[in-house]
PDB file of N, CA and C in Angstrom:
ATOM      1  N   MET A   1     -24.751   0.332   0.872  1.00  0.00           N
ATOM      2  CA  MET A   1     -24.160  -0.979   1.061  1.00  0.00           C
ATOM      3  C   MET A   1     -23.540  -1.103   2.456  1.00  0.00           C
ATOM      4  N   ALA A   2     -22.860  -0.059   2.905  1.00  0.00           N
ATOM      5  CA  ALA A   2     -22.216  -0.104   4.212  1.00  0.00           C
ATOM      6  C   ALA A   2     -23.232  -0.332   5.323  1.00  0.00           C
ATOM      7  N   GLU A   3     -24.392   0.320   5.214  1.00  0.00           N
ATOM      8  CA  GLU A   3     -25.429   0.157   6.229  1.00  0.00           C
ATOM      9  C   GLU A   3     -25.925  -1.284   6.291  1.00  0.00           C
ATOM     10  N   GLU A   4     -26.060  -1.904   5.136  1.00  0.00           N
ATOM     11  CA  GLU A   4     -26.490  -3.306   5.087  1.00  0.00           C
ATOM     12  C   GLU A   4     -25.451  -4.207   5.748  1.00  0.00           C
ATOM     13  N   TYR A   5     -24.186  -3.940   5.492  1.00  0.00           N
ATOM     14  CA  TYR A   5     -23.118  -4.718   6.124  1.00  0.00           C
ATOM     15  C   TYR A   5     -23.144  -4.549   7.645  1.00  0.00           C
ATOM     16  N   LEU A   6     -23.383  -3.327   8.113  1.00  0.00           N
ATOM     17  CA  LEU A   6     -23.465  -3.110   9.559  1.00  0.00           C
ATOM     18  C   LEU A   6     -24.619  -3.905  10.163  1.00  0.00           C
ATOM     19  N   HIS A   7     -25.739  -3.913   9.470  1.00  0.00           N
ATOM     20  CA  HIS A   7     -26.891  -4.685   9.932  1.00  0.00           C
ATOM     21  C   HIS A   7     -26.535  -6.168  10.024  1.00  0.00           C
ATOM     22  N   ASN A   8     -25.889  -6.692   8.997  1.00  0.00           N
ATOM     23  CA  ASN A   8     -25.491  -8.102   8.995  1.00  0.00           C
ATOM     24  C   ASN A   8     -24.475  -8.401  10.095  1.00  0.00           C
ATOM     25  N   ALA A   9     -23.583  -7.466  10.363  1.00  0.00           N
ATOM     26  CA  ALA A   9     -22.608  -7.650  11.445  1.00  0.00           C
ATOM     27  C   ALA A   9     -23.329  -7.827  12.778  1.00  0.00           C
ATOM     28  N   THR A  10     -24.366  -7.038  12.994  1.00  0.00           N
ATOM     29  CA  THR A  10     -25.144  -7.132  14.224  1.00  0.00           C
ATOM     30  C   THR A  10     -25.822  -8.491  14.341  1.00  0.00           C
ATOM     31  N   ILE A  11     -26.370  -8.953  13.252  1.00  0.00           N
ATOM     32  CA  ILE A  11     -27.045 -10.257  13.250  1.00  0.00           C
ATOM     33  C   ILE A  11     -26.063 -11.366  13.610  1.00  0.00           C
ATOM     34  N   TYR A  12     -24.898 -11.388  12.946  1.00  0.00           N
ATOM     35  CA  TYR A  12     -23.935 -12.454  13.196  1.00  0.00           C
ATOM     36  C   TYR A  12     -23.296 -12.348  14.581  1.00  0.00           C
ATOM     37  N   ALA A  13     -23.119 -11.142  15.075  1.00  0.00           N
ATOM     38  CA  ALA A  13     -22.587 -10.974  16.424  1.00  0.00           C
ATOM     39  C   ALA A  13     -23.564 -11.535  17.448  1.00  0.00           C
ATOM     40  N   SER A  14     -24.853 -11.312  17.224  1.00  0.00           N
ATOM     41  CA  SER A  14     -25.857 -11.834  18.156  1.00  0.00           C
ATOM     42  C   SER A  14     -25.880 -13.360  18.164  1.00  0.00           C
ATOM     43  N   LYS A  15     -25.432 -13.954  17.056  1.00  0.00           N
ATOM     44  CA  LYS A  15     -25.345 -15.416  16.961  1.00  0.00           C
ATOM     45  C   LYS A  15     -23.981 -15.925  17.423  1.00  0.00           C
ATOM     46  N   ARG A  16     -23.137 -14.990  17.880  1.00  0.00           N
ATOM     47  CA  ARG A  16     -21.777 -15.288  18.352  1.00  0.00           C
ATOM     48  C   ARG A  16     -20.884 -15.842  17.231  1.00  0.00           C
ATOM     49  N   ASN A  17     -21.220 -15.517  16.001  1.00  0.00           N
ATOM     50  CA  ASN A  17     -20.383 -15.877  14.857  1.00  0.00           C
ATOM     51  C   ASN A  17     -19.489 -14.666  14.573  1.00  0.00           C
ATOM     52  N   PHE A  18     -18.419 -14.559  15.349  1.00  0.00           N
ATOM     53  CA  PHE A  18     -17.583 -13.367  15.295  1.00  0.00           C
ATOM     54  C   PHE A  18     -16.747 -13.291  14.018  1.00  0.00           C
ATOM     55  N   ALA A  19     -16.434 -14.429  13.423  1.00  0.00           N
ATOM     56  CA  ALA A  19     -15.694 -14.405  12.158  1.00  0.00           C
ATOM     57  C   ALA A  19     -16.535 -13.717  11.082  1.00  0.00           C
ATOM     58  N   LYS A  20     -17.792 -14.097  11.000  1.00  0.00           N
ATOM     59  CA  LYS A  20     -18.672 -13.503   9.995  1.00  0.00           C
ATOM     60  C   LYS A  20     -18.998 -12.051  10.349  1.00  0.00           C
ATOM     61  N   ALA A  21     -19.209 -11.767  11.633  1.00  0.00           N
ATOM     62  CA  ALA A  21     -19.504 -10.395  12.063  1.00  0.00           C
ATOM     63  C   ALA A  21     -18.339  -9.461  11.746  1.00  0.00           C
ATOM     64  N   THR A  22     -17.104  -9.925  11.979  1.00  0.00           N
ATOM     65  CA  THR A  22     -15.955  -9.061  11.677  1.00  0.00           C
ATOM     66  C   THR A  22     -15.808  -8.864  10.174  1.00  0.00           C
ATOM     67  N   GLU A  23     -16.158  -9.872   9.399  1.00  0.00           N
ATOM     68  CA  GLU A  23     -16.119  -9.719   7.944  1.00  0.00           C
ATOM     69  C   GLU A  23     -17.073  -8.612   7.497  1.00  0.00           C
ATOM     70  N   PHE A  24     -18.271  -8.585   8.061  1.00  0.00           N
ATOM     71  CA  PHE A  24     -19.235  -7.558   7.690  1.00  0.00           C
ATOM     72  C   PHE A  24     -18.824  -6.176   8.187  1.00  0.00           C
ATOM     73  N   LEU A  25     -18.206  -6.095   9.368  1.00  0.00           N
ATOM     74  CA  LEU A  25     -17.708  -4.796   9.836  1.00  0.00           C
ATOM     75  C   LEU A  25     -16.624  -4.279   8.902  1.00  0.00           C
ATOM     76  N   TRP A  26     -15.702  -5.173   8.523  1.00  0.00           N
ATOM     77  CA  TRP A  26     -14.656  -4.782   7.568  1.00  0.00           C
ATOM     78  C   TRP A  26     -15.302  -4.319   6.263  1.00  0.00           C
ATOM     79  N   GLY A  27     -16.286  -5.047   5.778  1.00  0.00           N
ATOM     80  CA  GLY A  27     -16.947  -4.691   4.530  1.00  0.00           C
ATOM     81  C   GLY A  27     -17.607  -3.325   4.599  1.00  0.00           C
ATOM     82  N   ALA A  28     -18.232  -3.009   5.723  1.00  0.00           N
ATOM     83  CA  ALA A  28     -18.869  -1.702   5.884  1.00  0.00           C
ATOM     84  C   ALA A  28     -17.842  -0.582   5.805  1.00  0.00           C
ATOM     85  N   ILE A  29     -16.730  -0.761   6.470  1.00  0.00           N
ATOM     86  CA  ILE A  29     -15.681   0.267   6.450  1.00  0.00           C
ATOM     87  C   ILE A  29     -15.070   0.372   5.062  1.00  0.00           C
ATOM     88  N   ALA A  30     -14.805  -0.759   4.448  1.00  0.00           N
ATOM     89  CA  ALA A  30     -14.224  -0.748   3.095  1.00  0.00           C
ATOM     90  C   ALA A  30     -15.141  -0.026   2.118  1.00  0.00           C
ATOM     91  N   GLU A  31     -16.441  -0.282   2.187  1.00  0.00           N
ATOM     92  CA  GLU A  31     -17.388   0.380   1.286  1.00  0.00           C
ATOM     93  C   GLU A  31     -17.450   1.889   1.539  1.00  0.00           C
ATOM     94  N   ALA A  32     -17.394   2.282   2.802  1.00  0.00           N
ATOM     95  CA  ALA A  32     -17.410   3.718   3.120  1.00  0.00           C
ATOM     96  C   ALA A  32     -16.149   4.406   2.602  1.00  0.00           C
ATOM     97  N   VAL A  33     -15.004   3.764   2.752  1.00  0.00           N
ATOM     98  CA  VAL A  33     -13.750   4.335   2.252  1.00  0.00           C
ATOM     99  C   VAL A  33     -13.790   4.432   0.727  1.00  0.00           C
ATOM    100  N   LYS A  34     -14.269   3.390   0.076  1.00  0.00           N
ATOM    101  CA  LYS A  34     -14.389   3.420  -1.390  1.00  0.00           C
ATOM    102  C   LYS A  34     -15.314   4.548  -1.834  1.00  0.00           C
ATOM    103  N   ALA A  35     -16.397   4.759  -1.109  1.00  0.00           N
ATOM    104  CA  ALA A  35     -17.331   5.838  -1.452  1.00  0.00           C
ATOM    105  C   ALA A  35     -16.664   7.200  -1.307  1.00  0.00           C
ATOM    106  N   LEU A  36     -15.870   7.372  -0.277  1.00  0.00           N
ATOM    107  CA  LEU A  36     -15.146   8.638  -0.100  1.00  0.00           C
ATOM    108  C   LEU A  36     -14.202   8.892  -1.270  1.00  0.00           C
ATOM    109  N   TYR A  37     -13.481   7.883  -1.663  1.00  0.00           N
ATOM    110  CA  TYR A  37     -12.544   8.039  -2.770  1.00  0.00           C
ATOM    111  C   TYR A  37     -13.261   8.250  -4.095  1.00  0.00           C
ATOM    112  N   ALA A  38     -14.442   7.683  -4.235  1.00  0.00           N
ATOM    113  CA  ALA A  38     -15.211   7.867  -5.461  1.00  0.00           C
ATOM    114  C   ALA A  38     -15.592   9.331  -5.669  1.00  0.00           C
ATOM    115  N   PHE A  39     -15.738  10.091  -4.587  1.00  0.00           N
ATOM    116  CA  PHE A  39     -16.037  11.518  -4.715  1.00  0.00           C
ATOM    117  C   PHE A  39     -14.931  12.252  -5.462  1.00  0.00           C
ATOM    118  N   ASP A  40     -13.713  11.757  -5.366  1.00  0.00           N
ATOM    119  CA  ASP A  40     -12.590  12.357  -6.083  1.00  0.00           C
ATOM    120  C   ASP A  40     -12.290  11.623  -7.392  1.00  0.00           C
ATOM    121  N   GLY A  41     -13.166  10.712  -7.778  1.00  0.00           N
ATOM    122  CA  GLY A  41     -12.972   9.973  -9.016  1.00  0.00           C
ATOM    123  C   GLY A  41     -11.907   8.894  -8.916  1.00  0.00           C
ATOM    124  N   ARG A  42     -11.564   8.515  -7.697  1.00  0.00           N
ATOM    125  CA  ARG A  42     -10.547   7.482  -7.495  1.00  0.00           C
ATOM    126  C   ARG A  42     -11.224   6.170  -7.110  1.00  0.00           C
ATOM    127  N   THR A  43     -10.557   5.066  -7.447  1.00  0.00           N
ATOM    128  CA  THR A  43     -11.083   3.751  -7.090  1.00  0.00           C
ATOM    129  C   THR A  43     -10.068   3.008  -6.233  1.00  0.00           C
ATOM    130  N   LEU A  44     -10.589   2.134  -5.416  1.00  0.00           N
ATOM    131  CA  LEU A  44      -9.758   1.287  -4.556  1.00  0.00           C
ATOM    132  C   LEU A  44     -10.210  -0.151  -4.756  1.00  0.00           C
ATOM    133  N   GLY A  45      -9.281  -1.076  -4.652  1.00  0.00           N
ATOM    134  CA  GLY A  45      -9.639  -2.468  -4.821  1.00  0.00           C
ATOM    135  C   GLY A  45      -9.141  -3.365  -3.715  1.00  0.00           C
ATOM    136  N   GLU A  46      -7.854  -3.541  -3.645  1.00  0.00           N
ATOM    137  CA  GLU A  46      -7.263  -4.508  -2.726  1.00  0.00           C
ATOM    138  C   GLU A  46      -7.279  -4.021  -1.278  1.00  0.00           C
ATOM    139  N   HIS A  47      -7.175  -4.996  -0.392  1.00  0.00           N
ATOM    140  CA  HIS A  47      -7.149  -4.726   1.046  1.00  0.00           C
ATOM    141  C   HIS A  47      -6.096  -3.675   1.401  1.00  0.00           C
ATOM    142  N   ARG A  48      -4.897  -3.830   0.895  1.00  0.00           N
ATOM    143  CA  ARG A  48      -3.823  -2.887   1.262  1.00  0.00           C
ATOM    144  C   ARG A  48      -4.110  -1.477   0.771  1.00  0.00           C
ATOM    145  N   GLU A  49      -4.779  -1.341  -0.383  1.00  0.00           N
ATOM    146  CA  GLU A  49      -5.160  -0.012  -0.875  1.00  0.00           C
ATOM    147  C   GLU A  49      -6.191   0.634   0.050  1.00  0.00           C
ATOM    148  N   ILE A  50      -7.120  -0.176   0.531  1.00  0.00           N
ATOM    149  CA  ILE A  50      -8.159   0.339   1.419  1.00  0.00           C
ATOM    150  C   ILE A  50      -7.559   0.747   2.758  1.00  0.00           C
ATOM    151  N   ILE A  51      -6.672  -0.076   3.295  1.00  0.00           N
ATOM    152  CA  ILE A  51      -6.016   0.263   4.566  1.00  0.00           C
ATOM    153  C   ILE A  51      -5.183   1.527   4.410  1.00  0.00           C
ATOM    154  N   LYS A  52      -4.445   1.643   3.314  1.00  0.00           N
ATOM    155  CA  LYS A  52      -3.641   2.842   3.082  1.00  0.00           C
ATOM    156  C   LYS A  52      -4.539   4.083   2.976  1.00  0.00           C
ATOM    157  N   ALA A  53      -5.638   3.965   2.273  1.00  0.00           N
ATOM    158  CA  ALA A  53      -6.585   5.075   2.148  1.00  0.00           C
ATOM    159  C   ALA A  53      -7.183   5.423   3.512  1.00  0.00           C
ATOM    160  N   LEU A  54      -7.503   4.412   4.283  1.00  0.00           N
ATOM    161  CA  LEU A  54      -8.051   4.636   5.616  1.00  0.00           C
ATOM    162  C   LEU A  54      -7.039   5.357   6.505  1.00  0.00           C
ATOM    163  N   GLN A  55      -5.786   4.966   6.410  1.00  0.00           N
ATOM    164  CA  GLN A  55      -4.735   5.660   7.160  1.00  0.00           C
ATOM    165  C   GLN A  55      -4.679   7.133   6.766  1.00  0.00           C
ATOM    166  N   GLU A  56      -4.770   7.392   5.483  1.00  0.00           N
ATOM    167  CA  GLU A  56      -4.751   8.770   4.988  1.00  0.00           C
ATOM    168  C   GLU A  56      -5.916   9.580   5.561  1.00  0.00           C
ATOM    169  N   ILE A  57      -7.093   8.992   5.553  1.00  0.00           N
ATOM    170  CA  ILE A  57      -8.280   9.677   6.067  1.00  0.00           C
ATOM    171  C   ILE A  57      -8.154   9.945   7.561  1.00  0.00           C
ATOM    172  N   VAL A  58      -7.760   8.935   8.304  1.00  0.00           N
ATOM    173  CA  VAL A  58      -7.641   9.053   9.756  1.00  0.00           C
ATOM    174  C   VAL A  58      -6.609  10.110  10.129  1.00  0.00           C
ATOM    175  N   LEU A  59      -5.488  10.101   9.431  1.00  0.00           N
ATOM    176  CA  LEU A  59      -4.444  11.094   9.726  1.00  0.00           C
ATOM    177  C   LEU A  59      -4.882  12.491   9.317  1.00  0.00           C
ATOM    178  N   LYS A  60      -5.504  12.607   8.160  1.00  0.00           N
ATOM    179  CA  LYS A  60      -5.961  13.916   7.683  1.00  0.00           C
ATOM    180  C   LYS A  60      -7.000  14.513   8.616  1.00  0.00           C
ATOM    181  N   LYS A  61      -7.859  13.673   9.157  1.00  0.00           N
ATOM    182  CA  LYS A  61      -8.915  14.135  10.065  1.00  0.00           C
ATOM    183  C   LYS A  61      -8.431  14.193  11.516  1.00  0.00           C
ATOM    184  N   GLU A  62      -7.187  13.830  11.741  1.00  0.00           N
ATOM    185  CA  GLU A  62      -6.572  13.854  13.077  1.00  0.00           C
ATOM    186  C   GLU A  62      -7.456  13.171  14.114  1.00  0.00           C
ATOM    187  N   MET A  63      -7.877  11.962  13.775  1.00  0.00           N
ATOM    188  CA  MET A  63      -8.731  11.195  14.685  1.00  0.00           C
ATOM    189  C   MET A  63      -7.920  10.713  15.884  1.00  0.00           C
ATOM    190  N   GLU A  64      -8.556  10.747  17.031  1.00  0.00           N
ATOM    191  CA  GLU A  64      -7.927  10.284  18.260  1.00  0.00           C
ATOM    192  C   GLU A  64      -7.645   8.782  18.158  1.00  0.00           C
ATOM    193  N   ASP A  65      -6.496   8.367  18.669  1.00  0.00           N
ATOM    194  CA  ASP A  65      -6.107   6.954  18.671  1.00  0.00           C
ATOM    195  C   ASP A  65      -6.049   6.368  17.257  1.00  0.00           C
ATOM    196  N   SER A  66      -5.547   7.135  16.314  1.00  0.00           N
ATOM    197  CA  SER A  66      -5.557   6.717  14.914  1.00  0.00           C
ATOM    198  C   SER A  66      -4.831   5.395  14.677  1.00  0.00           C
ATOM    199  N   ALA A  67      -3.687   5.193  15.313  1.00  0.00           N
ATOM    200  CA  ALA A  67      -2.934   3.953  15.096  1.00  0.00           C
ATOM    201  C   ALA A  67      -3.734   2.744  15.584  1.00  0.00           C
ATOM    202  N   ARG A  68      -4.370   2.872  16.744  1.00  0.00           N
ATOM    203  CA  ARG A  68      -5.163   1.770  17.276  1.00  0.00           C
ATOM    204  C   ARG A  68      -6.365   1.484  16.384  1.00  0.00           C
ATOM    205  N   LEU A  69      -7.003   2.535  15.886  1.00  0.00           N
ATOM    206  CA  LEU A  69      -8.157   2.342  15.012  1.00  0.00           C
ATOM    207  C   LEU A  69      -7.778   1.553  13.769  1.00  0.00           C
ATOM    208  N   ILE A  70      -6.678   1.935  13.146  1.00  0.00           N
ATOM    209  CA  ILE A  70      -6.226   1.243  11.930  1.00  0.00           C
ATOM    210  C   ILE A  70      -5.893  -0.213  12.247  1.00  0.00           C
ATOM    211  N   GLN A  71      -5.208  -0.432  13.349  1.00  0.00           N
ATOM    212  CA  GLN A  71      -4.851  -1.804  13.734  1.00  0.00           C
ATOM    213  C   GLN A  71      -6.116  -2.641  13.982  1.00  0.00           C
ATOM    214  N   SER A  72      -7.082  -2.066  14.655  1.00  0.00           N
ATOM    215  CA  SER A  72      -8.334  -2.783  14.913  1.00  0.00           C
ATOM    216  C   SER A  72      -9.047  -3.148  13.626  1.00  0.00           C
ATOM    217  N   ILE A  73      -9.099  -2.208  12.708  1.00  0.00           N
ATOM    218  CA  ILE A  73      -9.795  -2.456  11.443  1.00  0.00           C
ATOM    219  C   ILE A  73      -9.080  -3.531  10.633  1.00  0.00           C
ATOM    220  N   ASP A  74      -7.771  -3.503  10.653  1.00  0.00           N
ATOM    221  CA  ASP A  74      -7.000  -4.529   9.952  1.00  0.00           C
ATOM    222  C   ASP A  74      -7.258  -5.904  10.570  1.00  0.00           C
ATOM    223  N   GLN A  75      -7.378  -5.955  11.888  1.00  0.00           N
ATOM    224  CA  GLN A  75      -7.658  -7.231  12.562  1.00  0.00           C
ATOM    225  C   GLN A  75      -9.030  -7.772  12.191  1.00  0.00           C
ATOM    226  N   LEU A  76      -9.987  -6.888  11.936  1.00  0.00           N
ATOM    227  CA  LEU A  76     -11.309  -7.343  11.502  1.00  0.00           C
ATOM    228  C   LEU A  76     -11.195  -8.188  10.239  1.00  0.00           C
ATOM    229  N   HIS A  77     -10.429  -7.689   9.306  1.00  0.00           N
ATOM    230  CA  HIS A  77     -10.276  -8.384   8.023  1.00  0.00           C
ATOM    231  C   HIS A  77      -9.526  -9.699   8.206  1.00  0.00           C
ATOM    232  N   VAL A  78      -8.448  -9.671   8.949  1.00  0.00           N
ATOM    233  CA  VAL A  78      -7.635 -10.864   9.164  1.00  0.00           C
ATOM    234  C   VAL A  78      -8.434 -11.940   9.904  1.00  0.00           C
ATOM    235  N   ASN A  79      -9.275 -11.524  10.839  1.00  0.00           N
ATOM    236  CA  ASN A  79     -10.031 -12.491  11.629  1.00  0.00           C
ATOM    237  C   ASN A  79     -10.918 -13.384  10.783  1.00  0.00           C
ATOM    238  N   PHE A  80     -11.417 -12.875   9.684  1.00  0.00           N
ATOM    239  CA  PHE A  80     -12.267 -13.707   8.843  1.00  0.00           C
ATOM    240  C   PHE A  80     -11.512 -14.962   8.391  1.00  0.00           C
ATOM    241  N   TYR A  81     -10.220 -14.820   8.133  1.00  0.00           N
ATOM    242  CA  TYR A  81      -9.414 -15.949   7.681  1.00  0.00           C
ATOM    243  C   TYR A  81      -8.847 -16.764   8.837  1.00  0.00           C
ATOM    244  N   GLU A  82      -8.524 -16.094   9.931  1.00  0.00           N
ATOM    245  CA  GLU A  82      -7.833 -16.746  11.034  1.00  0.00           C
ATOM    246  C   GLU A  82      -8.744 -17.166  12.186  1.00  0.00           C
ATOM    247  N   GLY A  83      -9.842 -16.470  12.398  1.00  0.00           N
ATOM    248  CA  GLY A  83     -10.796 -16.829  13.434  1.00  0.00           C
ATOM    249  C   GLY A  83     -10.265 -16.745  14.862  1.00  0.00           C
ATOM    250  N   PHE A  84      -9.442 -15.752  15.153  1.00  0.00           N
ATOM    251  CA  PHE A  84      -8.819 -15.643  16.476  1.00  0.00           C
ATOM    252  C   PHE A  84      -9.582 -14.754  17.454  1.00  0.00           C
ATOM    253  N   VAL A  85     -10.617 -14.080  17.008  1.00  0.00           N
ATOM    254  CA  VAL A  85     -11.310 -13.110  17.844  1.00  0.00           C
ATOM    255  C   VAL A  85     -12.383 -13.793  18.693  1.00  0.00           C
ATOM    256  N   ASP A  86     -12.245 -13.644  20.010  1.00  0.00           N
ATOM    257  CA  ASP A  86     -13.275 -14.130  20.919  1.00  0.00           C
ATOM    258  C   ASP A  86     -14.243 -12.978  21.228  1.00  0.00           C
ATOM    259  N   GLU A  87     -15.208 -13.222  22.078  1.00  0.00           N
ATOM    260  CA  GLU A  87     -16.229 -12.216  22.342  1.00  0.00           C
ATOM    261  C   GLU A  87     -15.641 -10.927  22.922  1.00  0.00           C
ATOM    262  N   GLY A  88     -14.715 -11.055  23.863  1.00  0.00           N
ATOM    263  CA  GLY A  88     -14.108  -9.866  24.468  1.00  0.00           C
ATOM    264  C   GLY A  88     -13.366  -9.020  23.454  1.00  0.00           C
ATOM    265  N   ARG A  89     -12.575  -9.668  22.622  1.00  0.00           N
ATOM    266  CA  ARG A  89     -11.822  -8.941  21.596  1.00  0.00           C
ATOM    267  C   ARG A  89     -12.774  -8.357  20.558  1.00  0.00           C
ATOM    268  N   PHE A  90     -13.833  -9.092  20.235  1.00  0.00           N
ATOM    269  CA  PHE A  90     -14.813  -8.590  19.283  1.00  0.00           C
ATOM    270  C   PHE A  90     -15.424  -7.280  19.773  1.00  0.00           C
ATOM    271  N   LEU A  91     -15.746  -7.217  21.057  1.00  0.00           N
ATOM    272  CA  LEU A  91     -16.337  -5.994  21.601  1.00  0.00           C
ATOM    273  C   LEU A  91     -15.407  -4.798  21.418  1.00  0.00           C
ATOM    274  N   VAL A  92     -14.108  -5.007  21.636  1.00  0.00           N
ATOM    275  CA  VAL A  92     -13.126  -3.927  21.452  1.00  0.00           C
ATOM    276  C   VAL A  92     -13.039  -3.532  19.979  1.00  0.00           C
ATOM    277  N   LEU A  93     -12.897  -4.518  19.114  1.00  0.00           N
ATOM    278  CA  LEU A  93     -12.769  -4.240  17.679  1.00  0.00           C
ATOM    279  C   LEU A  93     -14.026  -3.596  17.115  1.00  0.00           C
ATOM    280  N   SER A  94     -15.181  -4.082  17.529  1.00  0.00           N
ATOM    281  CA  SER A  94     -16.418  -3.521  16.990  1.00  0.00           C
ATOM    282  C   SER A  94     -16.632  -2.096  17.496  1.00  0.00           C
ATOM    283  N   ARG A  95     -16.230  -1.799  18.724  1.00  0.00           N
ATOM    284  CA  ARG A  95     -16.325  -0.425  19.226  1.00  0.00           C
ATOM    285  C   ARG A  95     -15.483   0.508  18.351  1.00  0.00           C
ATOM    286  N   ASP A  96     -14.269   0.081  18.041  1.00  0.00           N
ATOM    287  CA  ASP A  96     -13.412   0.886  17.169  1.00  0.00           C
ATOM    288  C   ASP A  96     -13.999   1.007  15.770  1.00  0.00           C
ATOM    289  N   ALA A  97     -14.558  -0.084  15.276  1.00  0.00           N
ATOM    290  CA  ALA A  97     -15.154  -0.062  13.938  1.00  0.00           C
ATOM    291  C   ALA A  97     -16.321   0.913  13.873  1.00  0.00           C
ATOM    292  N   TYR A  98     -17.186   0.886  14.878  1.00  0.00           N
ATOM    293  CA  TYR A  98     -18.333   1.795  14.882  1.00  0.00           C
ATOM    294  C   TYR A  98     -17.896   3.250  15.053  1.00  0.00           C
ATOM    295  N   LYS A  99     -16.852   3.471  15.834  1.00  0.00           N
ATOM    296  CA  LYS A  99     -16.316   4.832  15.981  1.00  0.00           C
ATOM    297  C   LYS A  99     -15.842   5.338  14.621  1.00  0.00           C
ATOM    298  N   LEU A 100     -15.112   4.499  13.926  1.00  0.00           N
ATOM    299  CA  LEU A 100     -14.567   4.890  12.630  1.00  0.00           C
ATOM    300  C   LEU A 100     -15.659   5.038  11.576  1.00  0.00           C
ATOM    301  N   ILE A 101     -16.579   4.103  11.525  1.00  0.00           N
ATOM    302  CA  ILE A 101     -17.621   4.180  10.503  1.00  0.00           C
ATOM    303  C   ILE A 101     -18.498   5.398  10.722  1.00  0.00           C
ATOM    304  N   THR A 102     -18.720   5.779  11.968  1.00  0.00           N
ATOM    305  CA  THR A 102     -19.486   6.989  12.258  1.00  0.00           C
ATOM    306  C   THR A 102     -18.786   8.210  11.683  1.00  0.00           C
ATOM    307  N   GLU A 103     -17.476   8.283  11.846  1.00  0.00           N
ATOM    308  CA  GLU A 103     -16.706   9.401  11.293  1.00  0.00           C
ATOM    309  C   GLU A 103     -16.726   9.383   9.766  1.00  0.00           C
ATOM    310  N   LEU A 104     -16.599   8.200   9.177  1.00  0.00           N
ATOM    311  CA  LEU A 104     -16.627   8.097   7.718  1.00  0.00           C
ATOM    312  C   LEU A 104     -17.983   8.538   7.170  1.00  0.00           C
ATOM    313  N   PHE A 105     -19.058   8.156   7.836  1.00  0.00           N
ATOM    314  CA  PHE A 105     -20.395   8.574   7.403  1.00  0.00           C
ATOM    315  C   PHE A 105     -20.554  10.093   7.510  1.00  0.00           C
ATOM    316  N   LYS A 106     -19.990  10.701   8.551  1.00  0.00           N
ATOM    317  CA  LYS A 106     -20.048  12.161   8.690  1.00  0.00           C
ATOM    318  C   LYS A 106     -19.331  12.837   7.525  1.00  0.00           C
ATOM    319  N   ILE A 107     -18.178  12.312   7.163  1.00  0.00           N
ATOM    320  CA  ILE A 107     -17.422  12.875   6.040  1.00  0.00           C
ATOM    321  C   ILE A 107     -18.221  12.721   4.746  1.00  0.00           C
ATOM    322  N   LEU A 108     -18.811  11.549   4.541  1.00  0.00           N
ATOM    323  CA  LEU A 108     -19.623  11.310   3.346  1.00  0.00           C
ATOM    324  C   LEU A 108     -20.801  12.269   3.270  1.00  0.00           C
ATOM    325  N   GLU A 109     -21.475  12.484   4.381  1.00  0.00           N
ATOM    326  CA  GLU A 109     -22.608  13.407   4.396  1.00  0.00           C
ATOM    327  C   GLU A 109     -22.170  14.822   4.047  1.00  0.00           C
ATOM    328  N   ALA A 110     -21.042  15.258   4.588  1.00  0.00           N
ATOM    329  CA  ALA A 110     -20.531  16.592   4.278  1.00  0.00           C
ATOM    330  C   ALA A 110     -20.196  16.706   2.789  1.00  0.00           C
ATOM    331  N   LEU A 111     -19.630  15.661   2.227  1.00  0.00           N
ATOM    332  CA  LEU A 111     -19.296  15.670   0.798  1.00  0.00           C
ATOM    333  C   LEU A 111     -20.552  15.711  -0.065  1.00  0.00           C
ATOM    334  N   LYS A 112     -21.577  15.006   0.350  1.00  0.00           N
ATOM    335  CA  LYS A 112     -22.839  15.024  -0.402  1.00  0.00           C
ATOM    336  C   LYS A 112     -23.438  16.427  -0.418  1.00  0.00           C
ATOM    337  N   LYS A 113     -23.317  17.132   0.691  1.00  0.00           N
ATOM    338  CA  LYS A 113     -23.857  18.491   0.775  1.00  0.00           C
ATOM    339  C   LYS A 113     -23.101  19.457  -0.129  1.00  0.00           C
ATOM    340  N   GLN A 114     -21.802  19.211  -0.315  1.00  0.00           N
ATOM    341  CA  GLN A 114     -21.023  20.110  -1.163  1.00  0.00           C
ATOM    342  C   GLN A 114     -20.677  19.473  -2.504  1.00  0.00           C
ATOM    343  N   ARG A 115     -21.530  18.574  -2.948  1.00  0.00           N
ATOM    344  CA  ARG A 115     -21.346  17.863  -4.216  1.00  0.00           C
ATOM    345  C   ARG A 115     -21.015  18.843  -5.336  1.00  0.00           C
ATOM    346  N   GLY A 116     -20.121  18.436  -6.175  1.00  0.00           N
ATOM    347  CA  GLY A 116     -19.727  19.293  -7.295  1.00  0.00           C
ATOM    348  C   GLY A 116     -18.438  20.031  -7.029  1.00  0.00           C
ATOM    349  N   LYS A 117     -18.086  20.197  -5.771  1.00  0.00           N
ATOM    350  CA  LYS A 117     -16.816  20.853  -5.442  1.00  0.00           C
ATOM    351  C   LYS A 117     -15.759  19.762  -5.307  1.00  0.00           C
ATOM    352  N   LYS A 118     -14.520  20.092  -5.612  1.00  0.00           N
ATOM    353  CA  LYS A 118     -13.430  19.129  -5.427  1.00  0.00           C
ATOM    354  C   LYS A 118     -13.283  18.866  -3.946  1.00  0.00           C
ATOM    355  N   SER A 119     -13.304  17.603  -3.538  1.00  0.00           N
ATOM    356  CA  SER A 119     -13.355  17.300  -2.110  1.00  0.00           C
ATOM    357  C   SER A 119     -11.995  17.069  -1.480  1.00  0.00           C
ATOM    358  N   SER A 120     -11.324  16.008  -1.864  1.00  0.00           N
ATOM    359  CA  SER A 120     -10.103  15.566  -1.214  1.00  0.00           C
ATOM    360  C   SER A 120     -10.291  15.563   0.297  1.00  0.00           C
ATOM    361  N   PHE A 121     -11.497  15.217   0.707  1.00  0.00           N
ATOM    362  CA  PHE A 121     -11.982  15.188   2.072  1.00  0.00           C
ATOM    363  C   PHE A 121     -11.172  16.085   2.930  1.00  0.00           C
TER     364      PHE A 121
END
């Protein structure tokens, strides 16, 4: 599902529909975070639960610029409702989103390889 959302984000960004593109970027990250938590039998629903889980993952993995990454991802979600992101800001937010989603996919792949073991990423 996350890959499909990333594809849709690219389509809408090319059409300069940044509100819709940011919605799909947020959706891709949210789905990846939910998938990570599903490995431990946990579920996430609301935006704040996903952001909190994302903070946990970023801090646990000691990702560079963790505070900025979380802030960027949160802005992706808010932009869908507020529509404040222009092309320049979109480029910054999408760069952070792709950096984060790449890391989340790496974690997911590692978990798939060690399936059956307790993960807690």
